[in-house]
Amino acid sequence: SLNPGVSSLAMSQSQFFSMELYESRIASMQRFVAMTVMFHQMGMRVQSFFPKISFGYWGYRMDRTHSIMRIASTASPVSGADVRERIEEVRLMLKVENSVALIGRTWRKYSKGKKGRKSPISSE
């Protein structure tokens, strides 16, 4: 290890936290700026295209349009690894619940059958 006084678990937790901060702050901002620039460039191309093919009749100014296109450009706040872990937790809990239900049904069935029978060991 590079830092002899720091455990590998503490370093791993610190790295995980810094990656979460990077993803939630910097990377999402980069994606937003990239999408904004891309859609602005696309709008500029469309704005300059129509006047050329229609001799100026079909032109419009991009800054004067009222189209408000909303595009989800940020990533999901939950990583894929977190989703996989949660799916495994839910799957395990479902197995446990099914097992408990099976044991309960079996016990009730056993108890109901036991009440109808006489015990082979009787004191009479």
C-alpha atoms as a PDB file:
ATOM      1  CA  SER A   1       0.000   0.000   0.000  1.00  0.00           C
ATOM      2  CA  LEU A   2       1.194   3.537  -0.698  1.00  0.00           C
ATOM      3  CA  ASN A   3       0.105   4.872   2.689  1.00  0.00           C
ATOM      4  CA  PRO A   4       1.254   2.453   5.388  1.00  0.00           C
ATOM      5  CA  GLY A   5      -0.911   4.100   8.059  1.00  0.00           C
ATOM      6  CA  VAL A   6      -4.181   3.771   6.125  1.00  0.00           C
ATOM      7  CA  SER A   7      -6.060   0.508   5.757  1.00  0.00           C
ATOM      8  CA  SER A   8      -7.096  -0.706   2.336  1.00  0.00           C
ATOM      9  CA  LEU A   9     -10.762  -0.570   3.411  1.00  0.00           C
ATOM     10  CA  ALA A  10     -10.469   3.128   4.340  1.00  0.00           C
ATOM     11  CA  MET A  11      -8.728   3.853   1.040  1.00  0.00           C
ATOM     12  CA  SER A  12     -11.413   1.980  -0.878  1.00  0.00           C
ATOM     13  CA  GLN A  13     -14.202   3.865   0.914  1.00  0.00           C
ATOM     14  CA  SER A  14     -12.455   7.165   0.240  1.00  0.00           C
ATOM     15  CA  GLN A  15     -12.043   6.321  -3.445  1.00  0.00           C
ATOM     16  CA  PHE A  16     -15.710   5.257  -3.698  1.00  0.00           C
ATOM     17  CA  PHE A  17     -16.835   8.521  -2.077  1.00  0.00           C
ATOM     18  CA  SER A  18     -14.656  10.625  -4.382  1.00  0.00           C
ATOM     19  CA  MET A  19     -16.013   8.780  -7.437  1.00  0.00           C
ATOM     20  CA  GLU A  20     -19.587   9.398  -6.256  1.00  0.00           C
ATOM     21  CA  LEU A  21     -18.807  13.106  -5.876  1.00  0.00           C
ATOM     22  CA  TYR A  22     -17.207  13.193  -9.326  1.00  0.00           C
ATOM     23  CA  GLU A  23     -20.186  11.457 -10.946  1.00  0.00           C
ATOM     24  CA  SER A  24     -22.805  13.572  -9.201  1.00  0.00           C
ATOM     25  CA  ARG A  25     -21.072  16.914  -9.734  1.00  0.00           C
ATOM     26  CA  ILE A  26     -18.555  17.022 -12.569  1.00  0.00           C
ATOM     27  CA  ALA A  27     -19.575  14.219 -14.925  1.00  0.00           C
ATOM     28  CA  SER A  28     -23.249  15.170 -14.918  1.00  0.00           C
ATOM     29  CA  MET A  29     -22.330  18.797 -15.649  1.00  0.00           C
ATOM     30  CA  GLN A  30     -20.131  17.684 -18.549  1.00  0.00           C
ATOM     31  CA  ARG A  31     -22.993  15.645 -19.992  1.00  0.00           C
ATOM     32  CA  PHE A  32     -25.378  18.589 -19.619  1.00  0.00           C
ATOM     33  CA  VAL A  33     -23.007  20.992 -21.383  1.00  0.00           C
ATOM     34  CA  ALA A  34     -22.335  18.474 -24.163  1.00  0.00           C
ATOM     35  CA  MET A  35     -26.071  17.930 -24.753  1.00  0.00           C
ATOM     36  CA  THR A  36     -26.758  21.684 -24.687  1.00  0.00           C
ATOM     37  CA  VAL A  37     -24.001  22.385 -27.218  1.00  0.00           C
ATOM     38  CA  MET A  38     -25.130  19.500 -29.430  1.00  0.00           C
ATOM     39  CA  PHE A  39     -28.775  20.634 -29.517  1.00  0.00           C
ATOM     40  CA  HIS A  40     -27.798  24.272 -30.055  1.00  0.00           C
ATOM     41  CA  GLN A  41     -25.629  23.259 -33.012  1.00  0.00           C
ATOM     42  CA  MET A  42     -28.457  21.129 -34.401  1.00  0.00           C
ATOM     43  CA  GLY A  43     -30.869  24.063 -34.048  1.00  0.00           C
ATOM     44  CA  MET A  44     -28.440  26.374 -35.830  1.00  0.00           C
ATOM     45  CA  ARG A  45     -28.121  23.922 -38.735  1.00  0.00           C
ATOM     46  CA  VAL A  46     -31.897  23.674 -39.069  1.00  0.00           C
ATOM     47  CA  GLN A  47     -32.228  27.482 -38.826  1.00  0.00           C
ATOM     48  CA  SER A  48     -29.743  27.988 -41.669  1.00  0.00           C
ATOM     49  CA  PHE A  49     -31.012  25.050 -43.783  1.00  0.00           C
ATOM     50  CA  PHE A  50     -34.605  26.101 -44.485  1.00  0.00           C
ATOM     51  CA  PRO A  51     -33.897  29.625 -45.828  1.00  0.00           C
ATOM     52  CA  LYS A  52     -31.356  28.136 -48.260  1.00  0.00           C
ATOM     53  CA  ILE A  53     -33.758  25.624 -49.798  1.00  0.00           C
ATOM     54  CA  SER A  54     -36.808  27.941 -49.850  1.00  0.00           C
ATOM     55  CA  PHE A  55     -35.130  31.140 -51.060  1.00  0.00           C
ATOM     56  CA  GLY A  56     -35.756  32.773 -47.698  1.00  0.00           C
ATOM     57  CA  TYR A  57     -39.457  31.923 -47.334  1.00  0.00           C
ATOM     58  CA  TRP A  58     -39.229  29.200 -44.693  1.00  0.00           C
ATOM     59  CA  GLY A  59     -36.719  30.795 -42.383  1.00  0.00           C
ATOM     60  CA  TYR A  60     -37.066  31.337 -38.672  1.00  0.00           C
ATOM     61  CA  ARG A  61     -34.929  32.620 -35.837  1.00  0.00           C
ATOM     62  CA  MET A  62     -33.974  30.023 -33.323  1.00  0.00           C
ATOM     63  CA  ASP A  63     -33.961  32.522 -30.440  1.00  0.00           C
ATOM     64  CA  ARG A  64     -37.566  33.546 -31.236  1.00  0.00           C
ATOM     65  CA  THR A  65     -39.136  30.100 -31.284  1.00  0.00           C
ATOM     66  CA  HIS A  66     -41.337  28.951 -28.452  1.00  0.00           C
ATOM     67  CA  SER A  67     -40.526  25.286 -28.664  1.00  0.00           C
ATOM     68  CA  ILE A  68     -39.413  24.159 -25.247  1.00  0.00           C
ATOM     69  CA  MET A  69     -37.888  20.760 -25.751  1.00  0.00           C
ATOM     70  CA  ARG A  70     -37.111  18.973 -22.529  1.00  0.00           C
ATOM     71  CA  ILE A  71     -34.523  16.261 -22.745  1.00  0.00           C
ATOM     72  CA  ALA A  72     -33.365  14.134 -19.842  1.00  0.00           C
ATOM     73  CA  SER A  73     -29.623  14.539 -20.103  1.00  0.00           C
ATOM     74  CA  THR A  74     -28.414  13.520 -16.670  1.00  0.00           C
ATOM     75  CA  ALA A  75     -27.567   9.998 -15.708  1.00  0.00           C
ATOM     76  CA  SER A  76     -29.555   7.946 -13.298  1.00  0.00           C
ATOM     77  CA  PRO A  77     -28.667   8.832  -9.693  1.00  0.00           C
ATOM     78  CA  VAL A  78     -28.237   5.103  -9.009  1.00  0.00           C
ATOM     79  CA  SER A  79     -25.342   3.204 -10.520  1.00  0.00           C
ATOM     80  CA  GLY A  80     -25.758  -0.133 -12.255  1.00  0.00           C
ATOM     81  CA  ALA A  81     -23.794  -1.886  -9.517  1.00  0.00           C
ATOM     82  CA  ASP A  82     -26.211  -0.552  -6.895  1.00  0.00           C
ATOM     83  CA  VAL A  83     -29.162  -1.798  -8.931  1.00  0.00           C
ATOM     84  CA  ARG A  84     -27.598  -5.266  -9.270  1.00  0.00           C
ATOM     85  CA  GLU A  85     -26.930  -5.412  -5.526  1.00  0.00           C
ATOM     86  CA  ARG A  86     -30.509  -4.353  -4.769  1.00  0.00           C
ATOM     87  CA  ILE A  87     -31.903  -6.982  -7.159  1.00  0.00           C
ATOM     88  CA  GLU A  88     -29.851  -9.655  -5.395  1.00  0.00           C
ATOM     89  CA  GLU A  89     -31.100  -8.437  -1.996  1.00  0.00           C
ATOM     90  CA  VAL A  90     -34.717  -8.540  -3.180  1.00  0.00           C
ATOM     91  CA  ARG A  91     -34.205 -11.992  -4.693  1.00  0.00           C
ATOM     92  CA  LEU A  92     -32.723 -13.283  -1.423  1.00  0.00           C
ATOM     93  CA  MET A  93     -35.540 -11.744   0.641  1.00  0.00           C
ATOM     94  CA  LEU A  94     -38.098 -13.354  -1.685  1.00  0.00           C
ATOM     95  CA  LYS A  95     -36.435 -16.760  -1.193  1.00  0.00           C
ATOM     96  CA  VAL A  96     -36.477 -16.285   2.579  1.00  0.00           C
ATOM     97  CA  GLU A  97     -40.147 -15.203   2.561  1.00  0.00           C
ATOM     98  CA  ASN A  98     -41.107 -18.162   0.371  1.00  0.00           C
ATOM     99  CA  SER A  99     -39.211 -20.532   2.668  1.00  0.00           C
ATOM    100  CA  VAL A 100     -40.909 -19.118   5.769  1.00  0.00           C
ATOM    101  CA  ALA A 101     -44.311 -19.418   4.070  1.00  0.00           C
ATOM    102  CA  LEU A 102     -43.590 -23.036   3.094  1.00  0.00           C
ATOM    103  CA  ILE A 103     -42.510 -23.898   6.629  1.00  0.00           C
ATOM    104  CA  GLY A 104     -45.670 -22.236   7.994  1.00  0.00           C
ATOM    105  CA  ARG A 105     -47.941 -24.140   5.590  1.00  0.00           C
ATOM    106  CA  THR A 106     -46.194 -27.407   6.362  1.00  0.00           C
ATOM    107  CA  TRP A 107     -46.469 -26.804  10.115  1.00  0.00           C
ATOM    108  CA  ARG A 108     -50.179 -25.969   9.892  1.00  0.00           C
ATOM    109  CA  LYS A 109     -50.795 -29.056   7.768  1.00  0.00           C
ATOM    110  CA  TYR A 110     -48.846 -31.198  10.266  1.00  0.00           C
ATOM    111  CA  SER A 111     -50.639 -29.676  13.253  1.00  0.00           C
ATOM    112  CA  LYS A 112     -54.068 -30.163  11.645  1.00  0.00           C
ATOM    113  CA  GLY A 113     -53.286 -33.814  10.883  1.00  0.00           C
ATOM    114  CA  LYS A 114     -51.952 -34.414  14.387  1.00  0.00           C
ATOM    115  CA  LYS A 115     -55.193 -33.177  16.031  1.00  0.00           C
ATOM    116  CA  GLY A 116     -57.290 -35.707  14.081  1.00  0.00           C
ATOM    117  CA  ARG A 117     -55.119 -38.701  15.112  1.00  0.00           C
ATOM    118  CA  LYS A 118     -54.806 -40.340  18.462  1.00  0.00           C
ATOM    119  CA  SER A 119     -51.403 -40.559  19.930  1.00  0.00           C
ATOM    120  CA  PRO A 120     -49.844 -44.035  19.669  1.00  0.00           C
ATOM    121  CA  ILE A 121     -48.634 -43.630  23.227  1.00  0.00           C
ATOM    122  CA  SER A 122     -51.670 -43.247  25.383  1.00  0.00           C
ATOM    123  CA  SER A 123     -52.006 -43.490  29.116  1.00  0.00           C
ATOM    124  CA  GLU A 124     -55.342 -45.363  28.934  1.00  0.00           C
END
